[in-house]
Protein backbone atom coordinates (compact mmCIF):
# COMPACT_ATOMS: atom_id res chain seq x y z
CA MET A 1 -0.08 -0.06 -0.26
CA ILE A 2 1.03 3.24 -1.09
CA GLU A 3 0.85 5.98 1.59
CA PHE A 4 -0.30 9.43 0.48
CA ASP A 5 0.73 12.34 2.35
CA HIS A 6 -0.77 15.65 2.39
CA THR A 7 -2.65 15.00 -1.82
CA VAL A 8 -5.14 12.98 -0.20
CA ASN A 9 -5.86 16.04 1.83
CA ASN A 10 -6.63 18.67 -1.07
CA ASN A 11 -10.13 19.82 -0.77
CA LEU A 12 -10.58 18.39 -4.94
CA VAL A 13 -9.98 14.79 -3.64
CA ASN A 14 -13.72 13.78 -2.63
CA GLU A 15 -13.16 10.24 -1.41
CA TYR A 16 -10.25 7.74 0.05
CA ILE A 17 -11.07 4.52 -0.04
CA THR A 18 -8.31 2.09 1.27
CA ASP A 19 -9.70 -2.09 1.31
CA ASP A 20 -7.92 -5.22 1.13
CA CYS A 21 -7.47 -5.18 -2.66
CA SER A 22 -6.43 -1.60 -3.44
CA GLN A 23 -6.77 1.73 -3.16
CA THR A 24 -8.84 4.15 -4.51
CA LEU A 25 -8.96 8.12 -4.94
CA THR A 26 -12.13 10.06 -6.61
CA ILE A 27 -11.06 13.45 -7.45
CA LEU A 28 -13.79 16.05 -8.60
CA PRO A 29 -11.82 18.89 -10.55
CA ASN A 30 -14.48 20.40 -11.96
CA GLU A 31 -17.93 20.77 -12.80
CA GLU A 32 -17.47 18.39 -15.99
CA LEU A 33 -15.50 15.41 -14.82
CA LYS A 34 -15.09 13.02 -11.81
CA ILE A 35 -11.50 10.81 -11.89
CA VAL A 36 -11.21 7.80 -10.52
CA VAL A 37 -7.73 6.55 -9.31
CA THR A 38 -6.57 3.06 -8.33
CA VAL A 39 -3.94 1.43 -7.39
CA PRO A 40 -4.03 -1.90 -6.17
CA HIS A 41 -2.07 -3.37 -3.59
CA SER A 42 -0.64 -6.57 -5.17
CA ILE A 43 1.13 -4.99 -8.24
CA LEU A 44 2.49 -1.98 -9.30
CA GLU A 45 0.33 -0.79 -11.68
CA TRP A 46 -2.37 2.50 -11.34
CA TYR A 47 -5.26 3.18 -13.53
CA VAL A 48 -7.02 5.96 -14.12
CA ASP A 49 -10.97 6.61 -15.12
CA VAL A 50 -12.87 9.83 -16.22
CA PHE A 51 -16.42 10.13 -16.27
CA ASP A 52 -18.44 12.77 -17.37
CA ARG A 53 -21.18 14.20 -15.31
CA ASN A 54 -23.76 11.75 -16.18
CA GLY A 55 -21.60 8.84 -15.12
CA THR A 56 -19.91 7.57 -18.79
CA LYS A 57 -16.43 6.77 -19.06
CA VAL A 58 -14.84 9.43 -21.16
CA TYR A 59 -11.43 8.02 -20.61
CA SER A 60 -9.32 5.41 -19.43
CA ASN A 61 -5.52 4.44 -18.94
CA TRP A 62 -3.10 3.13 -16.86
CA ARG A 63 0.76 3.12 -15.62
CA ASP A 64 2.86 0.03 -14.54
CA HIS A 65 6.33 0.30 -12.87
CA PHE A 66 8.65 -2.25 -13.16
CA GLY A 67 12.26 -3.18 -12.97
CA ASP A 68 14.53 -4.48 -10.16
CA VAL A 69 14.46 -3.05 -6.81
CA GLU A 70 10.72 -2.64 -5.76
CA ALA A 71 11.11 -0.15 -2.90
CA GLU A 72 12.76 2.22 -5.78
CA LEU A 73 9.47 1.66 -7.94
CA ARG A 74 6.99 1.98 -5.08
CA SER A 75 8.58 5.24 -4.52
CA GLN A 76 8.61 6.22 -8.23
CA MET A 77 5.16 5.16 -8.30
CA LYS A 78 4.00 7.21 -5.19
CA GLU A 79 5.87 10.36 -6.92
CA SER A 80 3.63 9.84 -10.44
CA ILE A 81 0.61 9.60 -8.53
CA GLU A 82 1.04 12.60 -6.37
CA GLY A 83 2.31 14.60 -9.71
CA PHE A 84 -0.53 13.52 -11.36
CA ILE A 85 -3.32 14.29 -8.53
CA LEU A 86 -1.12 17.65 -8.13
CA ALA A 87 -1.97 18.05 -11.76
CA VAL A 88 -5.28 17.32 -12.18
CA THR A 89 -6.62 19.46 -8.94
CA ARG A 90 -4.91 22.95 -10.39
CA HIS A 91 -4.95 22.84 -13.43
CA PRO A 92 -8.10 23.07 -15.56
CA LEU A 93 -8.94 19.70 -17.54
CA ARG A 94 -10.76 18.52 -20.49
CA VAL A 95 -11.40 15.13 -22.43
CA ARG A 96 -10.84 15.57 -26.46
CA GLU A 97 -11.23 13.08 -29.24
CA GLY A 98 -7.84 11.06 -30.07
CA SER A 99 -6.64 10.72 -33.25
CA ARG A 100 -7.91 7.20 -33.17
CA PRO A 101 -11.65 5.96 -33.07
CA GLY A 102 -13.15 5.68 -30.03
CA GLN A 103 -10.04 7.04 -28.25
CA SER A 104 -9.89 10.08 -25.75
CA VAL A 105 -7.19 12.11 -24.23
CA LEU A 106 -7.14 13.68 -21.34
CA GLN A 107 -5.73 17.53 -21.83
CA ILE A 108 -4.63 19.86 -18.76
CA TYR A 109 -4.02 23.47 -19.35
CA ARG A 110 -1.09 25.00 -18.17
CA ASN A 111 1.28 27.31 -19.61
CA ASP A 112 -1.33 28.86 -21.83
CA GLU A 113 -1.85 25.85 -23.67
CA TRP A 114 -3.39 22.48 -23.75
CA THR A 115 -1.39 19.46 -23.97
CA ASP A 116 -2.15 15.32 -22.64
CA VAL A 117 -1.46 15.00 -19.25
CA ASN A 118 1.06 12.89 -18.66
CA TYR A 119 1.77 10.57 -15.69
């Protein structure tokens, strides 16, 4: 399990649930979107699902961390997740259609431009 320090105390993190299998954070960055971040305990992966105001999933992606030293990987994963949470709670977001049919892209507005969210 990853210990999230100050990140989950952000007023835009609406819900934080930990159970035997995973940690789940629900973020409400604006009136249009709901972001659900899921971090399973048993693997070094985490998932992002974004829903519109009607509850329709409009974006989904995941990231894995792999290599030799598990402690380092857990540290990198924590840093990635916290960076993602801080970015999506501090800047305007939108979901746009991707370059392929059925693909969507999560974008963030910073430095006077819209760019894809990288995590």
